[in-house]
Amino acid sequence: MSHISTSDQEDQAILQALKRNPDLKACFLEMIDIPTDTANQLNLGDDAEDAVIHAIQKTGAVLLKEWAQNKADKAEQETREQPGVRMHEKKRCCGTHPSPK
């Protein structure tokens, strides 16, 4: 019987996260290009430092956006599960809510 090692499980978790979020994947690809400088744009240490800072800030923004979306989705789901709670709907022209679907 074969067991997946912890390292393999972590690798799979990373791959799944990158597949779910293309923006995060782009950030990581940008980060892993910095040490090799394949575009040959980082001639000074300051340039490399700026590139690292930019990549980390961009990644942080992507992660915080995903976190906020997850929180909003969870809050909406919890609200929908509460009995008697009706989600916000636009009123019709005469001031009544549309009939439930």
PDB file of N, CA and C in Angstrom:
ATOM      1  N   MET A   1       0.847  -1.171   0.000  1.00  0.00           N
ATOM      2  CA  MET A   1       0.000   0.000   0.000  1.00  0.00           C
ATOM      3  C   MET A   1       0.891   1.232   0.000  1.00  0.00           C
ATOM      4  N   SER A   2       0.614   2.162  -0.864  1.00  0.00           N
ATOM      5  CA  SER A   2       1.447   3.348  -1.018  1.00  0.00           C
ATOM      6  C   SER A   2       0.856   4.512  -0.233  1.00  0.00           C
ATOM      7  N   HIS A   3       1.726   5.245   0.449  1.00  0.00           N
ATOM      8  CA  HIS A   3       1.307   6.421   1.207  1.00  0.00           C
ATOM      9  C   HIS A   3       1.954   7.651   0.595  1.00  0.00           C
ATOM     10  N   ILE A   4       1.174   8.713   0.513  1.00  0.00           N
ATOM     11  CA  ILE A   4       1.713   9.970   0.003  1.00  0.00           C
ATOM     12  C   ILE A   4       2.445  10.652   1.156  1.00  0.00           C
ATOM     13  N   SER A   5       3.679  11.053   0.912  1.00  0.00           N
ATOM     14  CA  SER A   5       4.449  11.708   1.960  1.00  0.00           C
ATOM     15  C   SER A   5       3.902  13.105   2.224  1.00  0.00           C
ATOM     16  N   THR A   6       4.271  13.642   3.386  1.00  0.00           N
ATOM     17  CA  THR A   6       3.831  14.986   3.741  1.00  0.00           C
ATOM     18  C   THR A   6       4.296  15.998   2.699  1.00  0.00           C
ATOM     19  N   SER A   7       5.510  15.823   2.218  1.00  0.00           N
ATOM     20  CA  SER A   7       6.037  16.735   1.204  1.00  0.00           C
ATOM     21  C   SER A   7       5.188  16.685  -0.064  1.00  0.00           C
ATOM     22  N   ASP A   8       4.808  15.488  -0.492  1.00  0.00           N
ATOM     23  CA  ASP A   8       3.952  15.355  -1.668  1.00  0.00           C
ATOM     24  C   ASP A   8       2.587  15.998  -1.438  1.00  0.00           C
ATOM     25  N   GLN A   9       2.048  15.836  -0.234  1.00  0.00           N
ATOM     26  CA  GLN A   9       0.754  16.445   0.090  1.00  0.00           C
ATOM     27  C   GLN A   9       0.863  17.974   0.064  1.00  0.00           C
ATOM     28  N   GLU A  10       1.976  18.492   0.593  1.00  0.00           N
ATOM     29  CA  GLU A  10       2.179  19.940   0.569  1.00  0.00           C
ATOM     30  C   GLU A  10       2.322  20.434  -0.862  1.00  0.00           C
ATOM     31  N   ASP A  11       3.059  19.687  -1.681  1.00  0.00           N
ATOM     32  CA  ASP A  11       3.220  20.061  -3.083  1.00  0.00           C
ATOM     33  C   ASP A  11       1.868  20.078  -3.787  1.00  0.00           C
ATOM     34  N   GLN A  12       1.047  19.086  -3.508  1.00  0.00           N
ATOM     35  CA  GLN A  12      -0.288  19.024  -4.117  1.00  0.00           C
ATOM     36  C   GLN A  12      -1.155  20.188  -3.653  1.00  0.00           C
ATOM     37  N   ALA A  13      -1.054  20.536  -2.371  1.00  0.00           N
ATOM     38  CA  ALA A  13      -1.827  21.664  -1.847  1.00  0.00           C
ATOM     39  C   ALA A  13      -1.411  22.962  -2.531  1.00  0.00           C
ATOM     40  N   ILE A  14      -0.114  23.134  -2.750  1.00  0.00           N
ATOM     41  CA  ILE A  14       0.384  24.327  -3.430  1.00  0.00           C
ATOM     42  C   ILE A  14      -0.121  24.364  -4.865  1.00  0.00           C
ATOM     43  N   LEU A  15      -0.024  23.237  -5.560  1.00  0.00           N
ATOM     44  CA  LEU A  15      -0.487  23.184  -6.949  1.00  0.00           C
ATOM     45  C   LEU A  15      -1.981  23.475  -7.054  1.00  0.00           C
ATOM     46  N   GLN A  16      -2.765  22.921  -6.135  1.00  0.00           N
ATOM     47  CA  GLN A  16      -4.212  23.158  -6.155  1.00  0.00           C
ATOM     48  C   GLN A  16      -4.523  24.633  -5.917  1.00  0.00           C
ATOM     49  N   ALA A  17      -3.797  25.261  -4.970  1.00  0.00           N
ATOM     50  CA  ALA A  17      -4.015  26.682  -4.688  1.00  0.00           C
ATOM     51  C   ALA A  17      -3.690  27.534  -5.912  1.00  0.00           C
ATOM     52  N   LEU A  18      -2.612  27.189  -6.604  1.00  0.00           N
ATOM     53  CA  LEU A  18      -2.227  27.951  -7.793  1.00  0.00           C
ATOM     54  C   LEU A  18      -3.208  27.732  -8.938  1.00  0.00           C
ATOM     55  N   LYS A  19      -3.765  26.535  -9.046  1.00  0.00           N
ATOM     56  CA  LYS A  19      -4.763  26.271 -10.085  1.00  0.00           C
ATOM     57  C   LYS A  19      -6.052  27.043  -9.822  1.00  0.00           C
ATOM     58  N   ARG A  20      -6.417  27.175  -8.535  1.00  0.00           N
ATOM     59  CA  ARG A  20      -7.645  27.893  -8.182  1.00  0.00           C
ATOM     60  C   ARG A  20      -7.514  29.400  -8.377  1.00  0.00           C
ATOM     61  N   ASN A  21      -6.284  29.920  -8.285  1.00  0.00           N
ATOM     62  CA  ASN A  21      -6.109  31.364  -8.322  1.00  0.00           C
ATOM     63  C   ASN A  21      -5.005  31.749  -9.313  1.00  0.00           C
ATOM     64  N   PRO A  22      -5.377  32.042 -10.552  1.00  0.00           N
ATOM     65  CA  PRO A  22      -4.381  32.393 -11.569  1.00  0.00           C
ATOM     66  C   PRO A  22      -3.562  33.642 -11.215  1.00  0.00           C
ATOM     67  N   ASP A  23      -4.152  34.587 -10.473  1.00  0.00           N
ATOM     68  CA  ASP A  23      -3.403  35.784 -10.071  1.00  0.00           C
ATOM     69  C   ASP A  23      -2.281  35.411  -9.109  1.00  0.00           C
ATOM     70  N   LEU A  24      -2.561  34.495  -8.200  1.00  0.00           N
ATOM     71  CA  LEU A  24      -1.537  34.032  -7.267  1.00  0.00           C
ATOM     72  C   LEU A  24      -0.436  33.288  -8.019  1.00  0.00           C
ATOM     73  N   LYS A  25      -0.832  32.496  -8.993  1.00  0.00           N
ATOM     74  CA  LYS A  25       0.142  31.774  -9.814  1.00  0.00           C
ATOM     75  C   LYS A  25       1.070  32.756 -10.531  1.00  0.00           C
ATOM     76  N   ALA A  26       0.507  33.820 -11.086  1.00  0.00           N
ATOM     77  CA  ALA A  26       1.319  34.828 -11.774  1.00  0.00           C
ATOM     78  C   ALA A  26       2.301  35.488 -10.807  1.00  0.00           C
ATOM     79  N   CYS A  27       1.850  35.734  -9.584  1.00  0.00           N
ATOM     80  CA  CYS A  27       2.746  36.328  -8.578  1.00  0.00           C
ATOM     81  C   CYS A  27       3.913  35.408  -8.270  1.00  0.00           C
ATOM     82  N   PHE A  28       3.643  34.124  -8.087  1.00  0.00           N
ATOM     83  CA  PHE A  28       4.719  33.190  -7.776  1.00  0.00           C
ATOM     84  C   PHE A  28       5.679  33.031  -8.951  1.00  0.00           C
ATOM     85  N   LEU A  29       5.146  33.013 -10.154  1.00  0.00           N
ATOM     86  CA  LEU A  29       6.034  32.927 -11.316  1.00  0.00           C
ATOM     87  C   LEU A  29       6.930  34.158 -11.402  1.00  0.00           C
ATOM     88  N   GLU A  30       6.365  35.320 -11.083  1.00  0.00           N
ATOM     89  CA  GLU A  30       7.156  36.548 -11.074  1.00  0.00           C
ATOM     90  C   GLU A  30       8.260  36.467 -10.011  1.00  0.00           C
ATOM     91  N   MET A  31       7.905  35.936  -8.838  1.00  0.00           N
ATOM     92  CA  MET A  31       8.894  35.832  -7.758  1.00  0.00           C
ATOM     93  C   MET A  31      10.027  34.875  -8.092  1.00  0.00           C
ATOM     94  N   ILE A  32       9.684  33.742  -8.703  1.00  0.00           N
ATOM     95  CA  ILE A  32      10.752  32.773  -8.961  1.00  0.00           C
ATOM     96  C   ILE A  32      11.642  33.187 -10.126  1.00  0.00           C
ATOM     97  N   ASP A  33      11.218  34.173 -10.894  1.00  0.00           N
ATOM     98  CA  ASP A  33      12.067  34.716 -11.958  1.00  0.00           C
ATOM     99  C   ASP A  33      13.106  35.707 -11.437  1.00  0.00           C
ATOM    100  N   ILE A  34      12.881  36.262 -10.266  1.00  0.00           N
ATOM    101  CA  ILE A  34      13.777  37.303  -9.749  1.00  0.00           C
ATOM    102  C   ILE A  34      15.212  36.800  -9.578  1.00  0.00           C
ATOM    103  N   PRO A  35      15.459  35.663  -8.927  1.00  0.00           N
ATOM    104  CA  PRO A  35      16.853  35.246  -8.731  1.00  0.00           C
ATOM    105  C   PRO A  35      17.610  34.966 -10.033  1.00  0.00           C
ATOM    106  N   THR A  36      16.909  34.487 -11.038  1.00  0.00           N
ATOM    107  CA  THR A  36      17.585  34.170 -12.299  1.00  0.00           C
ATOM    108  C   THR A  36      17.643  35.373 -13.239  1.00  0.00           C
ATOM    109  N   ASP A  37      16.756  36.337 -13.024  1.00  0.00           N
ATOM    110  CA  ASP A  37      16.709  37.563 -13.839  1.00  0.00           C
ATOM    111  C   ASP A  37      16.725  37.227 -15.331  1.00  0.00           C
ATOM    112  N   THR A  38      15.799  36.362 -15.743  1.00  0.00           N
ATOM    113  CA  THR A  38      15.757  35.929 -17.139  1.00  0.00           C
ATOM    114  C   THR A  38      15.524  37.089 -18.114  1.00  0.00           C
ATOM    115  N   ALA A  39      14.863  38.149 -17.656  1.00  0.00           N
ATOM    116  CA  ALA A  39      14.627  39.312 -18.522  1.00  0.00           C
ATOM    117  C   ALA A  39      15.832  40.255 -18.530  1.00  0.00           C
ATOM    118  N   ASN A  40      16.825  39.966 -17.703  1.00  0.00           N
ATOM    119  CA  ASN A  40      18.059  40.747 -17.624  1.00  0.00           C
ATOM    120  C   ASN A  40      17.768  42.238 -17.356  1.00  0.00           C
ATOM    121  N   GLN A  41      16.865  42.488 -16.402  1.00  0.00           N
ATOM    122  CA  GLN A  41      16.487  43.857 -16.063  1.00  0.00           C
ATOM    123  C   GLN A  41      17.037  44.303 -14.716  1.00  0.00           C
ATOM    124  N   LEU A  42      17.592  43.360 -13.947  1.00  0.00           N
ATOM    125  CA  LEU A  42      18.039  43.690 -12.600  1.00  0.00           C
ATOM    126  C   LEU A  42      19.561  43.780 -12.574  1.00  0.00           C
ATOM    127  N   ASN A  43      20.073  44.959 -12.834  1.00  0.00           N
ATOM    128  CA  ASN A  43      21.520  45.142 -12.919  1.00  0.00           C
ATOM    129  C   ASN A  43      22.140  45.551 -11.593  1.00  0.00           C
ATOM    130  N   LEU A  44      21.355  46.124 -10.704  1.00  0.00           N
ATOM    131  CA  LEU A  44      21.846  46.581  -9.416  1.00  0.00           C
ATOM    132  C   LEU A  44      21.119  45.865  -8.289  1.00  0.00           C
ATOM    133  N   GLY A  45      21.755  45.819  -7.139  1.00  0.00           N
ATOM    134  CA  GLY A  45      21.111  45.226  -5.966  1.00  0.00           C
ATOM    135  C   GLY A  45      19.821  45.943  -5.611  1.00  0.00           C
ATOM    136  N   ASP A  46      19.811  47.270  -5.784  1.00  0.00           N
ATOM    137  CA  ASP A  46      18.595  48.038  -5.510  1.00  0.00           C
ATOM    138  C   ASP A  46      17.453  47.622  -6.436  1.00  0.00           C
ATOM    139  N   ASP A  47      17.773  47.335  -7.688  1.00  0.00           N
ATOM    140  CA  ASP A  47      16.751  46.887  -8.645  1.00  0.00           C
ATOM    141  C   ASP A  47      16.163  45.553  -8.196  1.00  0.00           C
ATOM    142  N   ALA A  48      17.041  44.648  -7.765  1.00  0.00           N
ATOM    143  CA  ALA A  48      16.589  43.335  -7.307  1.00  0.00           C
ATOM    144  C   ALA A  48      15.733  43.480  -6.047  1.00  0.00           C
ATOM    145  N   GLU A  49      16.177  44.341  -5.137  1.00  0.00           N
ATOM    146  CA  GLU A  49      15.408  44.571  -3.903  1.00  0.00           C
ATOM    147  C   GLU A  49      14.031  45.136  -4.226  1.00  0.00           C
ATOM    148  N   ASP A  50      13.972  46.103  -5.122  1.00  0.00           N
ATOM    149  CA  ASP A  50      12.691  46.687  -5.523  1.00  0.00           C
ATOM    150  C   ASP A  50      11.781  45.632  -6.162  1.00  0.00           C
ATOM    151  N   ALA A  51      12.361  44.758  -6.965  1.00  0.00           N
ATOM    152  CA  ALA A  51      11.576  43.706  -7.609  1.00  0.00           C
ATOM    153  C   ALA A  51      10.990  42.753  -6.572  1.00  0.00           C
ATOM    154  N   VAL A  52      11.785  42.401  -5.566  1.00  0.00           N
ATOM    155  CA  VAL A  52      11.308  41.512  -4.498  1.00  0.00           C
ATOM    156  C   VAL A  52      10.185  42.185  -3.714  1.00  0.00           C
ATOM    157  N   ILE A  53      10.394  43.434  -3.344  1.00  0.00           N
ATOM    158  CA  ILE A  53       9.374  44.166  -2.580  1.00  0.00           C
ATOM    159  C   ILE A  53       8.081  44.259  -3.374  1.00  0.00           C
ATOM    160  N   HIS A  54       8.188  44.609  -4.649  1.00  0.00           N
ATOM    161  CA  HIS A  54       6.996  44.713  -5.504  1.00  0.00           C
ATOM    162  C   HIS A  54       6.276  43.363  -5.596  1.00  0.00           C
ATOM    163  N   ALA A  55       7.034  42.293  -5.798  1.00  0.00           N
ATOM    164  CA  ALA A  55       6.424  40.962  -5.935  1.00  0.00           C
ATOM    165  C   ALA A  55       5.726  40.545  -4.644  1.00  0.00           C
ATOM    166  N   ILE A  56       6.337  40.836  -3.514  1.00  0.00           N
ATOM    167  CA  ILE A  56       5.726  40.473  -2.229  1.00  0.00           C
ATOM    168  C   ILE A  56       4.472  41.300  -1.980  1.00  0.00           C
ATOM    169  N   GLN A  57       4.525  42.597  -2.275  1.00  0.00           N
ATOM    170  CA  GLN A  57       3.345  43.442  -2.091  1.00  0.00           C
ATOM    171  C   GLN A  57       2.200  42.998  -3.003  1.00  0.00           C
ATOM    172  N   LYS A  58       2.527  42.675  -4.235  1.00  0.00           N
ATOM    173  CA  LYS A  58       1.515  42.213  -5.191  1.00  0.00           C
ATOM    174  C   LYS A  58       0.896  40.896  -4.714  1.00  0.00           C
ATOM    175  N   THR A  59       1.735  39.981  -4.242  1.00  0.00           N
ATOM    176  CA  THR A  59       1.246  38.700  -3.728  1.00  0.00           C
ATOM    177  C   THR A  59       0.358  38.928  -2.512  1.00  0.00           C
ATOM    178  N   GLY A  60       0.784  39.817  -1.621  1.00  0.00           N
ATOM    179  CA  GLY A  60      -0.018  40.128  -0.443  1.00  0.00           C
ATOM    180  C   GLY A  60      -1.379  40.670  -0.815  1.00  0.00           C
ATOM    181  N   ALA A  61      -1.428  41.538  -1.805  1.00  0.00           N
ATOM    182  CA  ALA A  61      -2.709  42.099  -2.242  1.00  0.00           C
ATOM    183  C   ALA A  61      -3.624  41.007  -2.805  1.00  0.00           C
ATOM    184  N   VAL A  62      -3.053  40.096  -3.574  1.00  0.00           N
ATOM    185  CA  VAL A  62      -3.837  38.992  -4.145  1.00  0.00           C
ATOM    186  C   VAL A  62      -4.377  38.106  -3.024  1.00  0.00           C
ATOM    187  N   LEU A  63      -3.535  37.786  -2.051  1.00  0.00           N
ATOM    188  CA  LEU A  63      -3.956  36.929  -0.946  1.00  0.00           C
ATOM    189  C   LEU A  63      -5.027  37.600  -0.090  1.00  0.00           C
ATOM    190  N   LEU A  64      -4.868  38.893   0.183  1.00  0.00           N
ATOM    191  CA  LEU A  64      -5.872  39.606   0.977  1.00  0.00           C
ATOM    192  C   LEU A  64      -7.200  39.720   0.237  1.00  0.00           C
ATOM    193  N   LYS A  65      -7.135  39.897  -1.075  1.00  0.00           N
ATOM    194  CA  LYS A  65      -8.366  39.950  -1.873  1.00  0.00           C
ATOM    195  C   LYS A  65      -9.099  38.604  -1.781  1.00  0.00           C
ATOM    196  N   GLU A  66      -8.347  37.513  -1.890  1.00  0.00           N
ATOM    197  CA  GLU A  66      -8.968  36.184  -1.796  1.00  0.00           C
ATOM    198  C   GLU A  66      -9.529  35.956  -0.395  1.00  0.00           C
ATOM    199  N   TRP A  67      -8.785  36.384   0.629  1.00  0.00           N
ATOM    200  CA  TRP A  67      -9.255  36.241   2.004  1.00  0.00           C
ATOM    201  C   TRP A  67     -10.571  36.997   2.200  1.00  0.00           C
ATOM    202  N   ALA A  68     -10.617  38.248   1.734  1.00  0.00           N
ATOM    203  CA  ALA A  68     -11.821  39.066   1.882  1.00  0.00           C
ATOM    204  C   ALA A  68     -13.005  38.448   1.143  1.00  0.00           C
ATOM    205  N   GLN A  69     -12.762  37.911  -0.045  1.00  0.00           N
ATOM    206  CA  GLN A  69     -13.838  37.275  -0.805  1.00  0.00           C
ATOM    207  C   GLN A  69     -14.359  36.045  -0.081  1.00  0.00           C
ATOM    208  N   ASN A  70     -13.447  35.250   0.483  1.00  0.00           N
ATOM    209  CA  ASN A  70     -13.856  34.063   1.244  1.00  0.00           C
ATOM    210  C   ASN A  70     -14.684  34.452   2.457  1.00  0.00           C
ATOM    211  N   LYS A  71     -14.275  35.511   3.171  1.00  0.00           N
ATOM    212  CA  LYS A  71     -15.031  35.987   4.329  1.00  0.00           C
ATOM    213  C   LYS A  71     -16.422  36.451   3.914  1.00  0.00           C
ATOM    214  N   ALA A  72     -16.496  37.195   2.819  1.00  0.00           N
ATOM    215  CA  ALA A  72     -17.784  37.694   2.337  1.00  0.00           C
ATOM    216  C   ALA A  72     -18.685  36.537   1.922  1.00  0.00           C
ATOM    217  N   ASP A  73     -18.118  35.553   1.231  1.00  0.00           N
ATOM    218  CA  ASP A  73     -18.903  34.383   0.817  1.00  0.00           C
ATOM    219  C   ASP A  73     -19.433  33.620   2.024  1.00  0.00           C
ATOM    220  N   LYS A  74     -18.572  33.452   3.030  1.00  0.00           N
ATOM    221  CA  LYS A  74     -18.980  32.726   4.240  1.00  0.00           C
ATOM    222  C   LYS A  74     -20.077  33.484   4.985  1.00  0.00           C
ATOM    223  N   ALA A  75     -19.936  34.798   5.101  1.00  0.00           N
ATOM    224  CA  ALA A  75     -20.943  35.609   5.783  1.00  0.00           C
ATOM    225  C   ALA A  75     -22.279  35.545   5.041  1.00  0.00           C
ATOM    226  N   GLU A  76     -22.227  35.603   3.718  1.00  0.00           N
ATOM    227  CA  GLU A  76     -23.458  35.514   2.926  1.00  0.00           C
ATOM    228  C   GLU A  76     -24.128  34.160   3.105  1.00  0.00           C
ATOM    229  N   GLN A  77     -23.327  33.100   3.101  1.00  0.00           N
ATOM    230  CA  GLN A  77     -23.878  31.760   3.280  1.00  0.00           C
ATOM    231  C   GLN A  77     -24.520  31.609   4.661  1.00  0.00           C
ATOM    232  N   GLU A  78     -23.845  32.118   5.694  1.00  0.00           N
ATOM    233  CA  GLU A  78     -24.395  32.038   7.043  1.00  0.00           C
ATOM    234  C   GLU A  78     -25.690  32.823   7.153  1.00  0.00           C
ATOM    235  N   THR A  79     -25.744  33.961   6.490  1.00  0.00           N
ATOM    236  CA  THR A  79     -26.955  34.774   6.517  1.00  0.00           C
ATOM    237  C   THR A  79     -28.102  34.054   5.812  1.00  0.00           C
ATOM    238  N   ARG A  80     -27.807  33.438   4.679  1.00  0.00           N
ATOM    239  CA  ARG A  80     -28.843  32.712   3.932  1.00  0.00           C
ATOM    240  C   ARG A  80     -29.398  31.536   4.739  1.00  0.00           C
ATOM    241  N   GLU A  81     -28.570  30.949   5.598  1.00  0.00           N
ATOM    242  CA  GLU A  81     -28.984  29.795   6.373  1.00  0.00           C
ATOM    243  C   GLU A  81     -29.864  30.169   7.566  1.00  0.00           C
ATOM    244  N   GLN A  82     -29.909  31.445   7.926  1.00  0.00           N
ATOM    245  CA  GLN A  82     -30.722  31.875   9.059  1.00  0.00           C
ATOM    246  C   GLN A  82     -32.180  31.948   8.635  1.00  0.00           C
ATOM    247  N   PRO A  83     -33.065  31.354   9.427  1.00  0.00           N
ATOM    248  CA  PRO A  83     -34.484  31.373   9.062  1.00  0.00           C
ATOM    249  C   PRO A  83     -35.052  32.798   9.136  1.00  0.00           C
ATOM    250  N   GLY A  84     -35.891  33.118   8.199  1.00  0.00           N
ATOM    251  CA  GLY A  84     -36.566  34.404   8.186  1.00  0.00           C
ATOM    252  C   GLY A  84     -35.760  35.550   7.606  1.00  0.00           C
ATOM    253  N   VAL A  85     -34.551  35.298   7.189  1.00  0.00           N
ATOM    254  CA  VAL A  85     -33.728  36.362   6.621  1.00  0.00           C
ATOM    255  C   VAL A  85     -33.911  36.365   5.111  1.00  0.00           C
ATOM    256  N   ARG A  86     -34.206  37.538   4.572  1.00  0.00           N
ATOM    257  CA  ARG A  86     -34.366  37.669   3.129  1.00  0.00           C
ATOM    258  C   ARG A  86     -33.236  38.536   2.608  1.00  0.00           C
ATOM    259  N   MET A  87     -32.591  38.091   1.571  1.00  0.00           N
ATOM    260  CA  MET A  87     -31.488  38.840   0.985  1.00  0.00           C
ATOM    261  C   MET A  87     -32.018  40.112   0.337  1.00  0.00           C
ATOM    262  N   HIS A  88     -31.175  41.108   0.231  1.00  0.00           N
ATOM    263  CA  HIS A  88     -31.538  42.381  -0.370  1.00  0.00           C
ATOM    264  C   HIS A  88     -31.918  42.180  -1.832  1.00  0.00           C
ATOM    265  N   GLU A  89     -33.035  42.767  -2.196  1.00  0.00           N
ATOM    266  CA  GLU A  89     -33.475  42.720  -3.588  1.00  0.00           C
ATOM    267  C   GLU A  89     -33.904  44.119  -3.988  1.00  0.00           C
ATOM    268  N   LYS A  90     -33.725  44.448  -5.235  1.00  0.00           N
ATOM    269  CA  LYS A  90     -34.207  45.728  -5.730  1.00  0.00           C
ATOM    270  C   LYS A  90     -35.730  45.690  -5.792  1.00  0.00           C
ATOM    271  N   LYS A  91     -36.322  46.821  -5.475  1.00  0.00           N
ATOM    272  CA  LYS A  91     -37.773  46.911  -5.552  1.00  0.00           C
ATOM    273  C   LYS A  91     -38.204  47.150  -6.987  1.00  0.00           C
ATOM    274  N   ARG A  92     -39.418  46.713  -7.279  1.00  0.00           N
ATOM    275  CA  ARG A  92     -40.000  47.020  -8.589  1.00  0.00           C
ATOM    276  C   ARG A  92     -40.386  48.492  -8.626  1.00  0.00           C
ATOM    277  N   CYS A  93     -40.784  48.938  -9.758  1.00  0.00           N
ATOM    278  CA  CYS A  93     -41.106  50.351  -9.921  1.00  0.00           C
ATOM    279  C   CYS A  93     -42.225  50.806  -8.989  1.00  0.00           C
ATOM    280  N   CYS A  94     -43.108  49.912  -8.588  1.00  0.00           N
ATOM    281  CA  CYS A  94     -44.225  50.312  -7.729  1.00  0.00           C
ATOM    282  C   CYS A  94     -43.912  50.123  -6.247  1.00  0.00           C
ATOM    283  N   GLY A  95     -42.674  49.766  -5.898  1.00  0.00           N
ATOM    284  CA  GLY A  95     -42.264  49.704  -4.496  1.00  0.00           C
ATOM    285  C   GLY A  95     -42.393  48.345  -3.835  1.00  0.00           C
ATOM    286  N   THR A  96     -42.705  47.301  -4.601  1.00  0.00           N
ATOM    287  CA  THR A  96     -42.811  45.974  -4.000  1.00  0.00           C
ATOM    288  C   THR A  96     -41.616  45.125  -4.401  1.00  0.00           C
ATOM    289  N   HIS A  97     -41.331  44.134  -3.584  1.00  0.00           N
ATOM    290  CA  HIS A  97     -40.229  43.213  -3.899  1.00  0.00           C
ATOM    291  C   HIS A  97     -40.715  42.194  -4.933  1.00  0.00           C
ATOM    292  N   PRO A  98     -39.808  41.710  -5.765  1.00  0.00           N
ATOM    293  CA  PRO A  98     -40.180  40.656  -6.727  1.00  0.00           C
ATOM    294  C   PRO A  98     -40.604  39.405  -5.964  1.00  0.00           C
ATOM    295  N   SER A  99     -41.428  38.613  -6.560  1.00  0.00           N
ATOM    296  CA  SER A  99     -41.858  37.383  -5.904  1.00  0.00           C
ATOM    297  C   SER A  99     -40.689  36.400  -5.829  1.00  0.00           C
ATOM    298  N   PRO A 100     -40.647  35.570  -4.767  1.00  0.00           N
ATOM    299  CA  PRO A 100     -39.534  34.609  -4.610  1.00  0.00           C
ATOM    300  C   PRO A 100     -39.475  33.633  -5.787  1.00  0.00           C
ATOM    301  N   LYS A 101     -38.268  33.211  -6.099  1.00  0.00           N
ATOM    302  CA  LYS A 101     -38.074  32.299  -7.227  1.00  0.00           C
ATOM    303  C   LYS A 101     -38.144  30.878  -6.762  1.00  0.00           C
TER     304      LYS A 101
END
